[in-house]
N, C-alpha and C. Protein backbone atom coordinates (compact mmCIF):
# COMPACT_ATOMS: atom_id res chain seq x y z
N MET A 1 99.28 130.83 90.21
CA MET A 1 99.74 130.39 91.75
C MET A 1 98.54 130.04 91.95
N LEU A 2 97.73 130.42 92.05
CA LEU A 2 95.97 130.19 92.92
C LEU A 2 95.77 128.71 92.29
N SER A 3 96.26 128.26 91.00
CA SER A 3 95.61 127.08 90.82
C SER A 3 96.67 126.07 92.26
N LEU A 4 97.99 126.56 91.90
CA LEU A 4 98.98 125.98 92.77
C LEU A 4 97.92 125.24 94.27
N LEU A 5 98.01 126.54 94.20
CA LEU A 5 97.39 126.67 95.97
C LEU A 5 96.01 125.56 95.76
N TYR A 6 95.49 125.65 94.81
CA TYR A 6 93.79 124.58 94.59
C TYR A 6 94.54 123.43 95.25
N GLY A 7 95.45 123.19 93.83
CA GLY A 7 96.05 121.64 93.69
C GLY A 7 96.88 121.11 94.32
N VAL A 8 97.37 121.42 95.14
CA VAL A 8 98.31 120.82 96.66
C VAL A 8 97.36 120.85 97.57
N THR A 9 96.48 121.69 97.91
CA THR A 9 96.46 121.53 99.17
C THR A 9 94.74 120.88 99.21
N GLY A 10 94.46 120.43 98.25
CA GLY A 10 92.92 119.84 98.77
C GLY A 10 91.76 120.33 98.04
N GLY A 11 92.03 121.76 96.68
CA GLY A 11 90.51 122.43 96.37
C GLY A 11 90.29 123.31 96.62
N PHE A 12 89.58 124.16 95.54
CA PHE A 12 89.17 125.41 96.24
C PHE A 12 88.42 125.35 97.21
N GLU A 13 87.35 124.83 97.23
CA GLU A 13 85.86 124.94 98.35
C GLU A 13 86.48 125.48 99.94
N GLN A 14 87.73 124.56 99.93
CA GLN A 14 88.15 125.38 101.60
C GLN A 14 88.98 126.96 101.59
N TYR A 15 88.43 127.32 100.66
CA TYR A 15 89.18 128.82 100.70
C TYR A 15 88.00 129.89 100.31
N VAL A 16 86.55 129.59 99.97
CA VAL A 16 85.73 130.56 100.03
C VAL A 16 84.69 130.56 100.87
N GLY A 17 85.00 131.87 100.74
CA GLY A 17 84.60 132.54 101.80
C GLY A 17 84.96 134.54 101.68
N SER A 18 84.23 134.86 102.62
CA SER A 18 84.80 136.53 102.51
C SER A 18 85.53 137.17 103.22
N GLU A 19 86.56 136.55 103.82
CA GLU A 19 87.46 136.83 104.75
C GLU A 19 88.55 135.41 104.85
N PHE A 20 90.16 136.24 104.58
CA PHE A 20 91.13 135.07 104.41
C PHE A 20 91.47 134.61 106.05
N ASP A 21 91.50 133.26 106.00
CA ASP A 21 92.03 132.54 107.03
C ASP A 21 93.35 132.00 107.39
N GLU A 22 93.93 133.17 108.45
CA GLU A 22 94.79 133.10 108.84
C GLU A 22 95.83 131.43 109.08
N ALA A 23 94.78 131.44 110.45
CA ALA A 23 94.90 129.27 109.91
C ALA A 23 94.47 128.80 109.18
N LEU A 24 94.23 128.45 108.06
CA LEU A 24 94.15 127.15 106.97
C LEU A 24 95.76 128.30 106.45
N TRP A 25 95.23 128.89 105.99
CA TRP A 25 96.58 129.49 104.87
C TRP A 25 97.86 129.07 105.94
N GLU A 26 98.18 128.77 107.22
CA GLU A 26 99.42 128.60 107.93
C GLU A 26 99.52 127.60 107.57
N GLN A 27 98.71 126.45 107.85
CA GLN A 27 98.24 124.75 107.78
C GLN A 27 98.61 124.50 106.02
N ASN A 28 98.27 124.72 105.49
CA ASN A 28 98.19 124.75 103.52
C ASN A 28 99.79 124.90 103.39
N SER A 29 99.57 126.54 103.34
CA SER A 29 100.35 127.33 102.34
C SER A 29 102.17 126.29 102.42
N PRO A 30 102.56 125.69 102.75
CA PRO A 30 104.33 125.25 103.42
C PRO A 30 103.82 124.12 102.42
N GLN A 31 102.53 123.13 102.37
CA GLN A 31 102.83 122.57 101.11
C GLN A 31 103.10 123.26 99.55
N VAL A 32 102.68 124.16 99.51
CA VAL A 32 102.93 125.38 97.98
C VAL A 32 104.49 125.26 97.77
N PHE A 33 105.19 125.97 98.89
CA PHE A 33 106.12 126.40 98.68
C PHE A 33 107.05 124.62 99.31
N GLU A 34 106.74 124.03 99.43
CA GLU A 34 107.50 122.70 100.04
C GLU A 34 107.38 122.29 97.93
N TYR A 35 106.81 122.32 97.22
CA TYR A 35 106.01 122.39 96.02
C TYR A 35 107.00 123.09 95.23
N LEU A 36 107.25 124.25 95.24
CA LEU A 36 107.87 124.98 94.46
C LEU A 36 109.33 124.86 94.48
N ALA A 37 109.74 124.83 95.59
CA ALA A 37 110.71 124.20 96.13
C ALA A 37 111.47 123.50 95.23
N ALA A 38 110.48 122.53 95.30
CA ALA A 38 111.00 121.07 94.60
C ALA A 38 110.67 121.60 92.93
N LEU A 39 110.31 122.12 92.41
CA LEU A 39 109.93 122.37 91.08
C LEU A 39 111.35 123.80 90.74
N LYS A 40 111.71 124.25 91.64
CA LYS A 40 112.64 125.26 90.92
C LYS A 40 114.10 124.39 89.96
N PRO A 41 114.77 123.56 90.53
CA PRO A 41 115.96 123.14 89.99
C PRO A 41 115.08 123.06 88.08
N HIS A 42 114.26 122.44 88.02
CA HIS A 42 113.54 122.20 86.34
C HIS A 42 112.94 123.26 85.65
N LEU A 43 113.18 124.33 86.47
CA LEU A 43 112.51 125.67 85.37
C LEU A 43 113.65 126.38 84.93
N TRP A 44 113.28 126.97 83.83
CA TRP A 44 114.15 127.68 83.12
C TRP A 44 115.30 128.62 83.62
N GLN A 45 116.88 128.20 83.38
CA GLN A 45 117.55 128.49 84.29
C GLN A 45 117.51 128.48 85.99
N GLN A 46 117.20 127.30 86.11
CA GLN A 46 117.32 126.42 87.32
C GLN A 46 116.56 127.45 88.08
N GLY A 47 115.55 128.28 88.07
CA GLY A 47 114.97 128.96 88.63
C GLY A 47 115.69 129.74 89.27
N SER A 48 117.08 130.67 88.51
CA SER A 48 117.85 131.51 89.21
C SER A 48 117.43 132.96 89.15
N THR A 49 116.24 132.83 87.84
CA THR A 49 115.69 134.04 88.01
C THR A 49 114.27 133.99 86.80
N TYR A 50 113.80 134.69 87.08
CA TYR A 50 112.15 134.37 86.28
C TYR A 50 112.28 135.93 85.42
N PRO A 51 111.38 135.34 84.41
CA PRO A 51 110.73 136.41 82.65
C PRO A 51 110.62 137.19 83.63
N PRO A 52 110.52 138.42 83.57
CA PRO A 52 109.50 139.84 84.32
C PRO A 52 108.55 139.96 83.23
N SER A 53 107.52 139.22 82.73
CA SER A 53 106.61 139.89 82.21
C SER A 53 105.92 138.96 81.43
N GLN A 54 104.55 138.93 80.82
CA GLN A 54 104.20 137.44 79.87
C GLN A 54 104.73 137.69 78.41
N ALA A 55 105.06 138.89 78.35
CA ALA A 55 105.75 139.03 77.08
C ALA A 55 107.15 138.19 77.06
N ARG A 56 107.61 138.04 77.63
CA ARG A 56 108.86 137.52 77.80
C ARG A 56 108.73 136.00 78.16
N ILE A 57 107.87 135.42 78.73
CA ILE A 57 107.21 134.08 78.56
C ILE A 57 107.19 133.30 77.57
N ALA A 58 106.11 134.57 76.45
CA ALA A 58 105.90 133.98 75.06
C ALA A 58 107.36 134.35 73.93
N ASP A 59 108.00 135.26 74.40
CA ASP A 59 109.20 135.22 73.70
C ASP A 59 110.25 133.12 73.98
N LEU A 60 110.22 133.18 75.26
CA LEU A 60 110.98 132.15 76.03
C LEU A 60 110.81 130.94 75.38
N PHE A 61 108.84 130.69 74.54
CA PHE A 61 108.48 129.72 74.48
C PHE A 61 108.59 129.93 73.01
N ALA A 62 108.78 130.64 72.61
CA ALA A 62 108.76 131.26 70.87
C ALA A 62 110.08 130.71 70.06
N ASN A 63 111.16 131.01 71.23
CA ASN A 63 112.59 130.31 70.99
C ASN A 63 112.43 128.82 71.24
N GLY A 64 112.01 128.52 71.74
CA GLY A 64 112.15 127.25 72.38
C GLY A 64 113.04 127.01 73.79
N GLU A 65 113.47 128.33 73.85
CA GLU A 65 113.72 127.92 75.52
C GLU A 65 113.10 127.22 76.35
N ILE A 66 111.71 127.49 76.59
CA ILE A 66 111.10 126.42 77.57
C ILE A 66 110.03 125.64 76.82
N TRP A 67 109.10 124.85 77.15
CA TRP A 67 108.92 124.15 76.39
C TRP A 67 106.98 124.40 76.55
N LEU A 68 106.52 124.80 77.95
CA LEU A 68 105.16 124.96 78.37
C LEU A 68 105.17 126.25 79.45
N MET A 69 104.34 126.93 79.21
CA MET A 69 103.83 128.32 79.53
C MET A 69 102.46 128.23 80.12
N PRO A 70 101.91 129.14 80.73
CA PRO A 70 100.40 129.59 80.97
C PRO A 70 99.92 130.71 80.40
N PHE A 71 98.89 130.64 79.22
CA PHE A 71 98.68 131.02 78.00
C PHE A 71 97.11 131.52 77.99
N PHE A 72 96.74 132.30 77.67
CA PHE A 72 95.01 132.37 77.23
C PHE A 72 94.92 131.55 75.66
N VAL A 73 94.01 130.93 75.51
CA VAL A 73 93.77 130.50 74.24
C VAL A 73 93.65 131.15 72.91
N GLY A 74 93.09 132.13 73.69
CA GLY A 74 92.81 133.13 72.33
C GLY A 74 94.30 133.77 71.50
N ASP A 75 95.07 133.96 72.61
CA ASP A 75 96.47 134.83 72.40
C ASP A 75 97.06 133.62 71.55
N ALA A 76 97.06 132.83 71.89
CA ALA A 76 98.30 131.36 71.52
C ALA A 76 97.61 131.24 69.92
N ALA A 77 96.15 131.11 69.89
CA ALA A 77 95.39 130.99 68.60
C ALA A 77 96.77 132.18 67.53
N VAL A 78 96.03 133.15 67.75
CA VAL A 78 96.64 134.25 66.90
C VAL A 78 98.79 133.99 67.12
N ARG A 79 98.63 133.32 67.80
CA ARG A 79 100.26 133.55 67.37
C ARG A 79 101.02 132.35 66.58
N ILE A 80 99.98 131.09 67.06
CA ILE A 80 100.57 129.95 66.38
C ILE A 80 100.10 130.59 64.52
N GLN A 81 98.88 131.11 64.34
CA GLN A 81 98.62 131.63 63.13
C GLN A 81 99.48 132.58 62.69
N GLU A 82 100.47 133.22 63.59
CA GLU A 82 101.18 134.02 62.63
C GLU A 82 102.58 133.55 62.71
N GLY A 83 102.70 132.50 63.20
CA GLY A 83 103.94 131.92 62.66
C GLY A 83 105.02 132.70 63.99
N GLN A 84 104.18 132.87 65.05
CA GLN A 84 105.34 133.48 66.14
C GLN A 84 105.32 132.23 66.90
N PHE A 85 104.69 131.20 67.17
CA PHE A 85 104.55 130.00 68.08
C PHE A 85 104.48 129.17 66.72
N PRO A 86 105.27 127.68 67.25
CA PRO A 86 105.60 126.77 66.34
C PRO A 86 103.63 125.57 65.71
N ALA A 87 103.84 125.64 64.76
CA ALA A 87 102.70 125.09 64.42
C ALA A 87 102.20 123.90 65.51
N SER A 88 103.09 123.04 66.00
CA SER A 88 103.41 121.86 66.66
C SER A 88 102.70 122.35 68.10
N THR A 89 102.43 123.39 68.36
CA THR A 89 101.56 123.89 69.91
C THR A 89 100.30 123.39 70.00
N VAL A 90 100.35 122.75 71.14
CA VAL A 90 99.11 122.56 71.56
C VAL A 90 98.50 123.20 73.01
N VAL A 91 97.67 123.78 72.97
CA VAL A 91 96.26 124.39 73.57
C VAL A 91 95.71 123.21 74.68
N TYR A 92 95.59 123.13 75.71
CA TYR A 92 94.64 122.45 76.69
C TYR A 92 94.71 122.91 78.31
N ALA A 93 93.71 122.50 78.88
CA ALA A 93 93.56 122.90 80.44
C ALA A 93 93.60 121.92 80.71
N ILE A 94 94.00 122.14 82.22
CA ILE A 94 94.52 121.52 83.59
C ILE A 94 93.28 121.52 83.79
N PRO A 95 92.22 119.76 84.23
CA PRO A 95 91.04 119.88 85.12
C PRO A 95 91.61 120.53 85.89
N GLY A 96 90.28 121.37 86.85
CA GLY A 96 90.42 121.69 88.31
C GLY A 96 91.80 122.59 88.31
N ALA A 97 91.94 123.45 87.06
CA ALA A 97 93.13 124.30 87.73
C ALA A 97 92.91 125.57 86.43
N MET A 98 91.61 125.35 86.07
CA MET A 98 91.75 126.69 85.01
C MET A 98 90.89 127.78 86.00
N LEU A 99 91.13 128.89 86.30
CA LEU A 99 90.64 129.83 87.06
C LEU A 99 89.74 130.78 86.25
N ASN A 100 88.66 130.49 86.52
CA ASN A 100 87.27 131.55 86.07
C ASN A 100 87.22 132.53 86.24
N ASP A 101 87.68 133.07 85.90
CA ASP A 101 88.57 135.09 85.84
C ASP A 101 87.76 135.40 84.86
N PRO A 102 86.28 136.47 84.95
CA PRO A 102 85.85 136.86 84.24
C PRO A 102 86.17 137.98 84.25
N SER A 103 86.20 139.42 83.41
CA SER A 103 86.32 140.57 83.36
C SER A 103 85.35 141.90 83.55
N PHE A 104 85.67 142.71 84.56
CA PHE A 104 84.52 143.45 84.78
C PHE A 104 84.33 144.80 83.73
N THR A 105 83.24 145.62 83.85
CA THR A 105 83.27 146.90 83.60
C THR A 105 82.90 147.66 84.58
N ALA A 106 83.40 148.45 85.39
CA ALA A 106 83.00 149.50 85.89
C ALA A 106 83.04 151.20 85.35
N ILE A 107 82.29 152.08 85.97
CA ILE A 107 81.94 153.19 85.61
C ILE A 107 82.15 153.95 86.95
N PRO A 108 82.88 154.52 86.71
CA PRO A 108 83.26 155.60 88.73
C PRO A 108 82.61 156.48 88.50
N VAL A 109 82.21 156.91 89.50
CA VAL A 109 81.12 157.83 90.13
C VAL A 109 81.14 159.30 89.89
N ASN A 110 82.28 159.34 89.52
CA ASN A 110 82.79 160.96 89.13
C ASN A 110 82.73 160.79 87.49
N ALA A 111 82.69 159.93 86.64
CA ALA A 111 82.70 159.71 85.25
C ALA A 111 82.10 160.78 84.24
N ALA A 112 82.58 161.12 83.87
CA ALA A 112 82.63 162.68 83.34
C ALA A 112 81.61 162.24 82.25
N ASN A 113 81.34 161.21 81.75
CA ASN A 113 79.83 160.86 80.76
C ASN A 113 79.41 159.43 81.00
N PRO A 114 79.08 159.82 81.95
CA PRO A 114 78.32 158.25 82.45
C PRO A 114 77.30 157.98 81.70
N ALA A 115 76.72 158.51 81.03
CA ALA A 115 75.67 157.45 80.16
C ALA A 115 76.70 157.21 78.83
N GLY A 116 77.63 157.80 78.64
CA GLY A 116 78.18 156.82 77.49
C GLY A 116 78.90 155.89 78.07
N ALA A 117 79.62 156.02 79.39
CA ALA A 117 80.33 154.80 79.79
C ALA A 117 78.87 153.63 80.14
N MET A 118 78.46 153.62 79.85
CA MET A 118 76.65 153.04 80.09
C MET A 118 76.68 152.34 78.88
N VAL A 119 76.72 152.94 77.63
CA VAL A 119 76.35 152.87 76.48
C VAL A 119 77.64 151.33 76.01
N VAL A 120 78.47 152.26 76.57
CA VAL A 120 79.87 151.42 76.28
C VAL A 120 79.82 149.85 76.73
N ALA A 121 79.69 149.76 78.24
CA ALA A 121 78.87 148.65 79.06
C ALA A 121 78.61 147.53 78.99
N ASN A 122 77.14 148.12 78.15
CA ASN A 122 76.07 147.80 77.52
C ASN A 122 77.10 146.68 75.93
N LEU A 123 76.91 147.68 75.57
CA LEU A 123 78.36 146.86 74.20
C LEU A 123 79.12 145.81 74.57
N LEU A 124 79.65 146.09 75.75
CA LEU A 124 80.69 144.73 75.86
C LEU A 124 80.11 143.82 76.40
N ALA A 125 78.79 143.82 77.51
CA ALA A 125 77.83 142.89 77.47
C ALA A 125 76.95 141.95 76.70
N SER A 126 76.94 143.01 75.56
CA SER A 126 76.13 142.48 74.31
C SER A 126 76.35 140.99 73.61
N PRO A 127 75.72 140.28 72.66
CA PRO A 127 75.87 139.25 72.68
C PRO A 127 76.70 139.42 71.41
N GLU A 128 76.73 140.59 70.77
CA GLU A 128 77.62 141.29 69.29
C GLU A 128 79.26 141.27 70.20
N GLY A 129 79.07 142.23 70.84
CA GLY A 129 79.87 142.89 72.11
C GLY A 129 81.18 141.40 71.85
N GLN A 130 80.09 140.85 72.92
CA GLN A 130 81.37 138.91 72.84
C GLN A 130 81.73 138.79 71.81
N LEU A 131 81.11 138.26 71.02
CA LEU A 131 81.52 137.99 69.72
C LEU A 131 82.59 138.37 69.34
N GLU A 132 82.63 140.14 69.15
CA GLU A 132 83.58 140.16 68.67
C GLU A 132 85.28 140.21 69.98
N LYS A 133 84.84 140.42 71.29
CA LYS A 133 85.92 139.81 71.81
C LYS A 133 86.84 138.58 71.98
N LEU A 134 85.57 137.79 71.78
CA LEU A 134 86.53 136.16 71.81
C LEU A 134 87.34 136.10 70.51
N LYS A 135 86.97 136.81 69.41
CA LYS A 135 87.60 137.37 68.60
C LYS A 135 89.15 137.10 68.96
N PRO A 136 90.09 136.29 68.68
CA PRO A 136 91.40 136.26 69.43
C PRO A 136 92.62 137.32 68.65
N GLU A 137 92.00 137.77 67.28
CA GLU A 137 92.50 138.99 67.06
C GLU A 137 92.28 140.35 67.49
N VAL A 138 90.84 139.95 68.07
CA VAL A 138 90.80 141.66 68.37
C VAL A 138 90.83 141.41 70.19
N TRP A 139 90.64 140.09 71.20
CA TRP A 139 91.13 140.86 72.81
C TRP A 139 91.08 139.39 72.53
N GLY A 140 89.92 138.27 72.44
CA GLY A 140 89.93 136.83 72.64
C GLY A 140 90.10 136.32 74.34
N ASP A 141 89.13 136.94 74.62
CA ASP A 141 88.53 136.87 75.78
C ASP A 141 86.63 135.97 75.85
N PRO A 142 86.77 134.72 76.21
CA PRO A 142 85.52 133.83 76.22
C PRO A 142 84.53 134.66 76.42
N PRO A 143 83.44 134.00 76.02
CA PRO A 143 82.20 134.89 76.25
C PRO A 143 81.82 134.88 78.27
N LEU A 144 80.80 135.86 78.10
CA LEU A 144 80.45 135.29 79.40
C LEU A 144 79.07 135.33 79.61
N ILE A 145 78.43 135.04 78.85
CA ILE A 145 76.69 134.99 78.17
C ILE A 145 76.78 133.48 77.79
N ASP A 146 75.51 132.83 77.97
CA ASP A 146 74.84 131.32 77.75
C ASP A 146 74.95 131.54 76.05
N ILE A 147 75.90 130.95 75.47
CA ILE A 147 76.02 130.93 73.99
C ILE A 147 74.45 129.93 73.76
N ASN A 148 73.90 129.22 74.22
CA ASN A 148 72.88 128.62 73.92
C ASN A 148 71.40 129.30 74.19
N ALA A 149 71.42 130.13 74.58
CA ALA A 149 70.28 131.19 74.68
C ALA A 149 70.44 132.17 73.51
N LEU A 150 71.06 132.54 72.68
CA LEU A 150 71.69 133.26 71.58
C LEU A 150 70.36 132.39 69.93
N SER A 151 70.19 133.35 69.01
CA SER A 151 69.95 133.15 68.29
C SER A 151 70.98 131.97 67.74
N GLU A 152 70.47 130.88 66.50
CA GLU A 152 70.93 129.87 65.83
C GLU A 152 72.23 130.82 65.23
N ASP A 153 71.52 132.14 64.42
CA ASP A 153 73.19 133.00 63.56
C ASP A 153 74.07 132.97 64.64
N LEU A 154 73.78 133.47 65.80
CA LEU A 154 74.94 133.63 66.22
C LEU A 154 75.71 133.00 67.35
N GLN A 155 74.70 131.50 67.62
CA GLN A 155 75.97 130.14 68.18
C GLN A 155 76.68 129.85 66.99
N THR A 156 76.18 130.13 65.69
CA THR A 156 77.13 129.71 64.33
C THR A 156 78.26 130.46 64.31
N ASP A 157 77.73 132.19 64.68
CA ASP A 157 79.01 133.10 64.42
C ASP A 157 80.07 132.75 65.56
N PHE A 158 79.33 132.32 66.57
CA PHE A 158 80.35 131.80 67.83
C PHE A 158 81.21 130.81 67.65
N ALA A 159 80.88 129.80 67.45
CA ALA A 159 80.81 128.27 66.96
C ALA A 159 82.13 128.96 65.69
N ASP A 160 82.02 129.32 64.78
CA ASP A 160 83.14 130.10 64.01
C ASP A 160 83.98 130.45 63.89
N VAL A 161 83.97 131.64 65.47
CA VAL A 161 85.57 131.84 66.01
C VAL A 161 86.10 131.09 66.62
N GLU A 162 85.11 130.54 67.75
CA GLU A 162 85.42 129.11 68.75
C GLU A 162 86.77 128.10 67.37
N ALA A 163 86.20 127.51 66.53
CA ALA A 163 86.92 126.87 65.80
C ALA A 163 88.38 127.51 65.50
N SER A 164 88.90 128.81 66.17
CA SER A 164 89.98 129.18 65.36
C SER A 164 91.05 129.00 66.43
N TYR A 165 90.25 128.18 67.72
CA TYR A 165 91.00 128.27 68.69
C TYR A 165 91.94 127.37 69.36
N GLY A 166 91.33 126.19 68.02
CA GLY A 166 91.89 124.49 68.89
C GLY A 166 91.26 124.16 69.79
N LEU A 167 91.14 124.55 70.78
CA LEU A 167 90.31 123.98 71.52
C LEU A 167 88.96 124.26 72.17
N PRO A 168 88.38 123.80 72.34
CA PRO A 168 87.01 124.20 72.82
C PRO A 168 86.48 125.07 73.62
N LEU A 169 85.61 125.94 73.78
CA LEU A 169 85.41 126.67 75.16
C LEU A 169 85.18 126.27 76.16
N ARG A 170 84.26 125.42 75.81
CA ARG A 170 83.45 124.78 76.65
C ARG A 170 84.04 123.52 77.46
N ASP A 171 85.39 122.93 77.22
CA ASP A 171 86.42 121.97 77.20
C ASP A 171 86.80 123.18 78.13
N LEU A 172 87.55 123.97 77.66
CA LEU A 172 87.94 124.52 78.58
C LEU A 172 87.94 125.34 79.84
N ILE A 173 86.58 125.57 80.27
CA ILE A 173 85.88 126.20 81.12
C ILE A 173 85.00 125.03 82.22
N ALA A 174 85.06 123.69 81.54
CA ALA A 174 84.41 122.62 81.92
C ALA A 174 84.61 122.21 83.55
N ASP A 175 85.66 122.64 83.85
CA ASP A 175 86.53 122.08 84.77
C ASP A 175 87.26 123.66 85.60
N ALA A 176 86.37 124.94 85.32
CA ALA A 176 87.06 125.88 85.63
C ALA A 176 86.62 126.06 87.14
N VAL A 177 88.11 126.38 87.73
CA VAL A 177 87.22 126.75 89.20
C VAL A 177 87.23 128.21 89.71
N PRO A 178 86.37 128.86 90.27
CA PRO A 178 85.96 130.20 90.84
C PRO A 178 87.52 131.00 91.59
N ILE A 179 88.25 132.01 91.75
CA ILE A 179 89.04 132.72 92.11
C ILE A 179 88.15 133.10 93.33
N VAL A 180 89.05 132.87 94.61
CA VAL A 180 88.29 132.92 95.60
C VAL A 180 88.82 134.36 96.33
N ASN A 181 89.26 135.24 97.26
CA ASN A 181 88.95 136.18 98.40
C ASN A 181 90.68 136.84 97.58
N ALA A 182 91.09 137.82 97.49
CA ALA A 182 92.22 138.28 96.44
C ALA A 182 93.23 138.21 97.96
N ASP A 183 92.97 138.41 99.24
CA ASP A 183 94.08 137.89 100.14
C ASP A 183 94.71 136.89 99.83
N TYR A 184 94.27 135.75 99.07
CA TYR A 184 95.36 134.85 98.85
C TYR A 184 96.36 134.49 97.53
N THR A 185 95.44 135.46 96.80
CA THR A 185 96.51 135.86 95.73
C THR A 185 97.60 137.06 95.89
N THR A 186 97.33 137.71 96.72
CA THR A 186 98.38 138.79 97.62
C THR A 186 99.23 138.23 98.27
N ARG A 187 99.08 136.86 99.36
CA ARG A 187 100.10 136.49 100.50
C ARG A 187 100.45 135.19 99.16
N LEU A 188 100.10 134.28 98.45
CA LEU A 188 100.84 133.82 97.38
C LEU A 188 102.45 134.59 96.19
N GLU A 189 102.00 135.59 96.70
CA GLU A 189 102.81 136.37 96.01
C GLU A 189 103.73 137.03 96.52
N GLU A 190 103.58 137.60 97.80
CA GLU A 190 104.24 137.67 99.11
C GLU A 190 104.89 137.13 99.82
N ASP A 191 104.73 135.29 99.60
CA ASP A 191 105.41 134.65 99.90
C ASP A 191 106.19 134.07 99.50
N TRP A 192 106.00 133.62 98.34
CA TRP A 192 107.18 133.47 96.80
C TRP A 192 108.02 134.54 96.44
N LEU A 193 107.89 135.42 96.91
CA LEU A 193 109.15 136.56 96.78
C LEU A 193 110.02 136.02 97.70
N ARG A 194 109.29 136.14 98.95
CA ARG A 194 109.77 135.63 100.08
C ARG A 194 110.92 134.32 99.65
N GLN A 195 110.13 133.77 99.89
CA GLN A 195 110.64 131.60 100.50
C GLN A 195 111.19 131.34 98.87
N ILE A 196 111.05 131.93 97.87
CA ILE A 196 111.28 131.49 96.36
C ILE A 196 112.40 132.52 95.66
N ALA A 197 111.68 133.09 95.51
CA ALA A 197 112.18 134.04 94.35
C ALA A 197 113.64 135.44 94.65
N THR A 198 113.91 135.03 95.75
CA THR A 198 115.14 135.67 96.34
C THR A 198 115.97 134.68 96.90
N ARG A 199 115.87 133.78 96.93
CA ARG A 199 116.63 132.06 97.49
C ARG A 199 117.33 131.59 96.25
């Protein structure tokens, strides 16, 4: 939905800022919901119902009931290798629509073992941890570190894992756009439920 907001209203730049802009929302959001309303007849079951989860969407794709779905490339690679998705499945990035959504590790102030939590956080952020997370069968998350700054051996290890994806990660993130103020996502979801999903 956030990619759609950016795409039909002229890009993400106008939404960057610490505060939700109600006037901007009122000006731009009708374009999003007009687009979604026009798209609805072309959706699975003509948009009369929506799959309740990503797992159900994956099942619909695997069964050939839908031909296009948003999916992280690492998980798709595993499903192709395991025969859940057809071998003809192609993974691609839509320029300017791929959200750069890094995950974060937080340690609560009241953590029972903050030192142990810091060890885990450091492991996840380390090149070796990032390499393990990159493996589709483990986590399938792109690295948040500069691969070019690593040793040649580690760069080779990353390249070997990346080769199983079917799409170079540099292509995937080349046109990545940021996630802006979360209030835009909240409003997209609320207004989608009110204007599209329940009609």
